[in-house]
């Protein structure tokens, strides 16, 4: 990867949602919402306190996360559409 986020920012790849509803109906592309789940591709070092001490990131590369619907800024890196967001925009880590 040729991109390294700075400070408390993370680079995220969206995870595509289901193609069908629970009842088996196929969802057309025009009706799909952008997924609010993703995989962390890269992380910055973390934020700094006023004293200069580093605050470690709570997420790491490879974590599956949940984020807000309007979180992040869409960017294209090496032809792939990704999101850059602050760590505080992440709602939680999905385990399992």
C-alpha atoms as a PDB file:
ATOM      1  CA  UNK A   1       0.000   0.000   0.000  1.00  0.00           C
ATOM      2  CA  UNK A   2       1.429   3.359  -1.008  1.00  0.00           C
ATOM      3  CA  UNK A   3      -0.633   5.371   1.492  1.00  0.00           C
ATOM      4  CA  UNK A   4      -0.068   5.800   5.248  1.00  0.00           C
ATOM      5  CA  UNK A   5      -2.646   7.815   7.243  1.00  0.00           C
ATOM      6  CA  UNK A   6      -1.339  10.396   9.694  1.00  0.00           C
ATOM      7  CA  UNK A   7      -2.157  10.924  13.377  1.00  0.00           C
ATOM      8  CA  UNK A   8      -5.475   9.313  14.436  1.00  0.00           C
ATOM      9  CA  UNK A   9      -6.793   8.580  10.961  1.00  0.00           C
ATOM     10  CA  UNK A  10      -7.539   5.172   9.435  1.00  0.00           C
ATOM     11  CA  UNK A  11      -7.873   3.934   5.862  1.00  0.00           C
ATOM     12  CA  UNK A  12     -10.923   1.669   5.437  1.00  0.00           C
ATOM     13  CA  UNK A  13     -12.165  -0.654   2.682  1.00  0.00           C
ATOM     14  CA  UNK A  14     -15.965  -0.960   2.683  1.00  0.00           C
ATOM     15  CA  UNK A  15     -17.451  -4.456   3.036  1.00  0.00           C
ATOM     16  CA  UNK A  16     -20.246  -4.983   0.527  1.00  0.00           C
ATOM     17  CA  UNK A  17     -23.692  -5.763   1.929  1.00  0.00           C
ATOM     18  CA  UNK A  18     -26.081  -8.581   1.062  1.00  0.00           C
ATOM     19  CA  UNK A  19     -27.473  -8.879  -2.454  1.00  0.00           C
ATOM     20  CA  UNK A  20     -30.783 -10.294  -1.152  1.00  0.00           C
ATOM     21  CA  UNK A  21     -33.226  -9.478   1.636  1.00  0.00           C
ATOM     22  CA  UNK A  22     -34.005 -11.982   4.401  1.00  0.00           C
ATOM     23  CA  UNK A  23     -37.101 -12.969   2.381  1.00  0.00           C
ATOM     24  CA  UNK A  24     -35.022 -13.750  -0.716  1.00  0.00           C
ATOM     25  CA  UNK A  25     -35.752 -10.644  -2.810  1.00  0.00           C
ATOM     26  CA  UNK A  26     -32.821  -9.353  -4.861  1.00  0.00           C
ATOM     27  CA  UNK A  27     -31.879  -5.748  -4.041  1.00  0.00           C
ATOM     28  CA  UNK A  28     -31.084  -3.670  -7.167  1.00  0.00           C
ATOM     29  CA  UNK A  29     -27.926  -1.521  -7.102  1.00  0.00           C
ATOM     30  CA  UNK A  30     -29.997   1.681  -7.213  1.00  0.00           C
ATOM     31  CA  UNK A  31     -31.758   0.750  -3.933  1.00  0.00           C
ATOM     32  CA  UNK A  32     -28.679  -0.366  -1.989  1.00  0.00           C
ATOM     33  CA  UNK A  33     -27.273   1.809   0.747  1.00  0.00           C
ATOM     34  CA  UNK A  34     -23.535   2.134   1.079  1.00  0.00           C
ATOM     35  CA  UNK A  35     -22.392  -0.292   3.757  1.00  0.00           C
ATOM     36  CA  UNK A  36     -21.351   1.016   7.168  1.00  0.00           C
ATOM     37  CA  UNK A  37     -18.961  -1.895   7.737  1.00  0.00           C
ATOM     38  CA  UNK A  38     -15.371  -2.047   6.631  1.00  0.00           C
ATOM     39  CA  UNK A  39     -11.918  -3.509   7.069  1.00  0.00           C
ATOM     40  CA  UNK A  40      -9.086  -1.319   8.368  1.00  0.00           C
ATOM     41  CA  UNK A  41      -6.389  -1.227   5.669  1.00  0.00           C
ATOM     42  CA  UNK A  42      -3.916   1.119   7.398  1.00  0.00           C
ATOM     43  CA  UNK A  43      -3.685   3.178  10.595  1.00  0.00           C
ATOM     44  CA  UNK A  44      -1.816   6.290  11.649  1.00  0.00           C
ATOM     45  CA  UNK A  45       0.369   6.364  14.764  1.00  0.00           C
ATOM     46  CA  UNK A  46      -2.360   7.832  16.972  1.00  0.00           C
ATOM     47  CA  UNK A  47      -3.245  11.208  18.441  1.00  0.00           C
ATOM     48  CA  UNK A  48      -0.979  13.177  20.752  1.00  0.00           C
ATOM     49  CA  UNK A  49      -1.789  14.715  24.121  1.00  0.00           C
ATOM     50  CA  UNK A  50      -0.864  18.346  24.788  1.00  0.00           C
ATOM     51  CA  UNK A  51       2.236  17.024  26.550  1.00  0.00           C
ATOM     52  CA  UNK A  52       3.307  15.288  23.313  1.00  0.00           C
ATOM     53  CA  UNK A  53       2.639  11.784  24.642  1.00  0.00           C
ATOM     54  CA  UNK A  54       1.262   9.393  22.006  1.00  0.00           C
ATOM     55  CA  UNK A  55      -2.247   7.965  22.509  1.00  0.00           C
ATOM     56  CA  UNK A  56      -2.214   4.491  20.908  1.00  0.00           C
ATOM     57  CA  UNK A  57      -4.872   3.568  18.359  1.00  0.00           C
ATOM     58  CA  UNK A  58      -7.666   1.219  19.502  1.00  0.00           C
ATOM     59  CA  UNK A  59      -7.913  -0.381  16.035  1.00  0.00           C
ATOM     60  CA  UNK A  60      -5.300  -2.124  13.915  1.00  0.00           C
ATOM     61  CA  UNK A  61      -4.874  -3.269  10.322  1.00  0.00           C
ATOM     62  CA  UNK A  62      -7.323  -6.056   9.476  1.00  0.00           C
ATOM     63  CA  UNK A  63      -9.976  -5.157  12.091  1.00  0.00           C
ATOM     64  CA  UNK A  64     -13.595  -5.333  10.868  1.00  0.00           C
ATOM     65  CA  UNK A  65     -15.323  -2.145  12.014  1.00  0.00           C
ATOM     66  CA  UNK A  66     -18.696  -0.425  12.089  1.00  0.00           C
ATOM     67  CA  UNK A  67     -18.843   3.309  11.329  1.00  0.00           C
ATOM     68  CA  UNK A  68     -21.465   6.014  10.912  1.00  0.00           C
ATOM     69  CA  UNK A  69     -23.382   6.403   7.648  1.00  0.00           C
ATOM     70  CA  UNK A  70     -21.773   9.757   6.793  1.00  0.00           C
ATOM     71  CA  UNK A  71     -18.306   9.044   8.221  1.00  0.00           C
ATOM     72  CA  UNK A  72     -15.094   9.475   6.305  1.00  0.00           C
ATOM     73  CA  UNK A  73     -13.894  10.967   3.068  1.00  0.00           C
ATOM     74  CA  UNK A  74     -13.911   8.859  -0.091  1.00  0.00           C
ATOM     75  CA  UNK A  75     -10.534   8.603  -1.825  1.00  0.00           C
ATOM     76  CA  UNK A  76      -9.098   6.500  -4.644  1.00  0.00           C
ATOM     77  CA  UNK A  77      -5.795   4.788  -3.866  1.00  0.00           C
ATOM     78  CA  UNK A  78      -4.212   2.587  -6.547  1.00  0.00           C
ATOM     79  CA  UNK A  79      -7.540   2.493  -8.423  1.00  0.00           C
ATOM     80  CA  UNK A  80      -9.497   1.282  -5.370  1.00  0.00           C
ATOM     81  CA  UNK A  81     -12.180   3.366  -3.650  1.00  0.00           C
ATOM     82  CA  UNK A  82     -11.462   3.636   0.088  1.00  0.00           C
ATOM     83  CA  UNK A  83     -12.432   5.832   3.031  1.00  0.00           C
ATOM     84  CA  UNK A  84     -10.233   7.930   5.295  1.00  0.00           C
ATOM     85  CA  UNK A  85     -11.755   8.693   8.688  1.00  0.00           C
ATOM     86  CA  UNK A  86     -10.748   9.710  12.180  1.00  0.00           C
ATOM     87  CA  UNK A  87     -10.615   6.958  14.744  1.00  0.00           C
ATOM     88  CA  UNK A  88     -13.405   8.733  16.661  1.00  0.00           C
ATOM     89  CA  UNK A  89     -15.769   8.116  13.690  1.00  0.00           C
ATOM     90  CA  UNK A  90     -15.484   4.364  14.288  1.00  0.00           C
ATOM     91  CA  UNK A  91     -18.411   3.073  16.351  1.00  0.00           C
ATOM     92  CA  UNK A  92     -16.901  -0.307  17.222  1.00  0.00           C
ATOM     93  CA  UNK A  93     -14.946  -3.397  16.233  1.00  0.00           C
ATOM     94  CA  UNK A  94     -16.899  -6.426  14.980  1.00  0.00           C
ATOM     95  CA  UNK A  95     -15.465  -9.604  16.472  1.00  0.00           C
ATOM     96  CA  UNK A  96     -15.926 -13.136  15.187  1.00  0.00           C
END
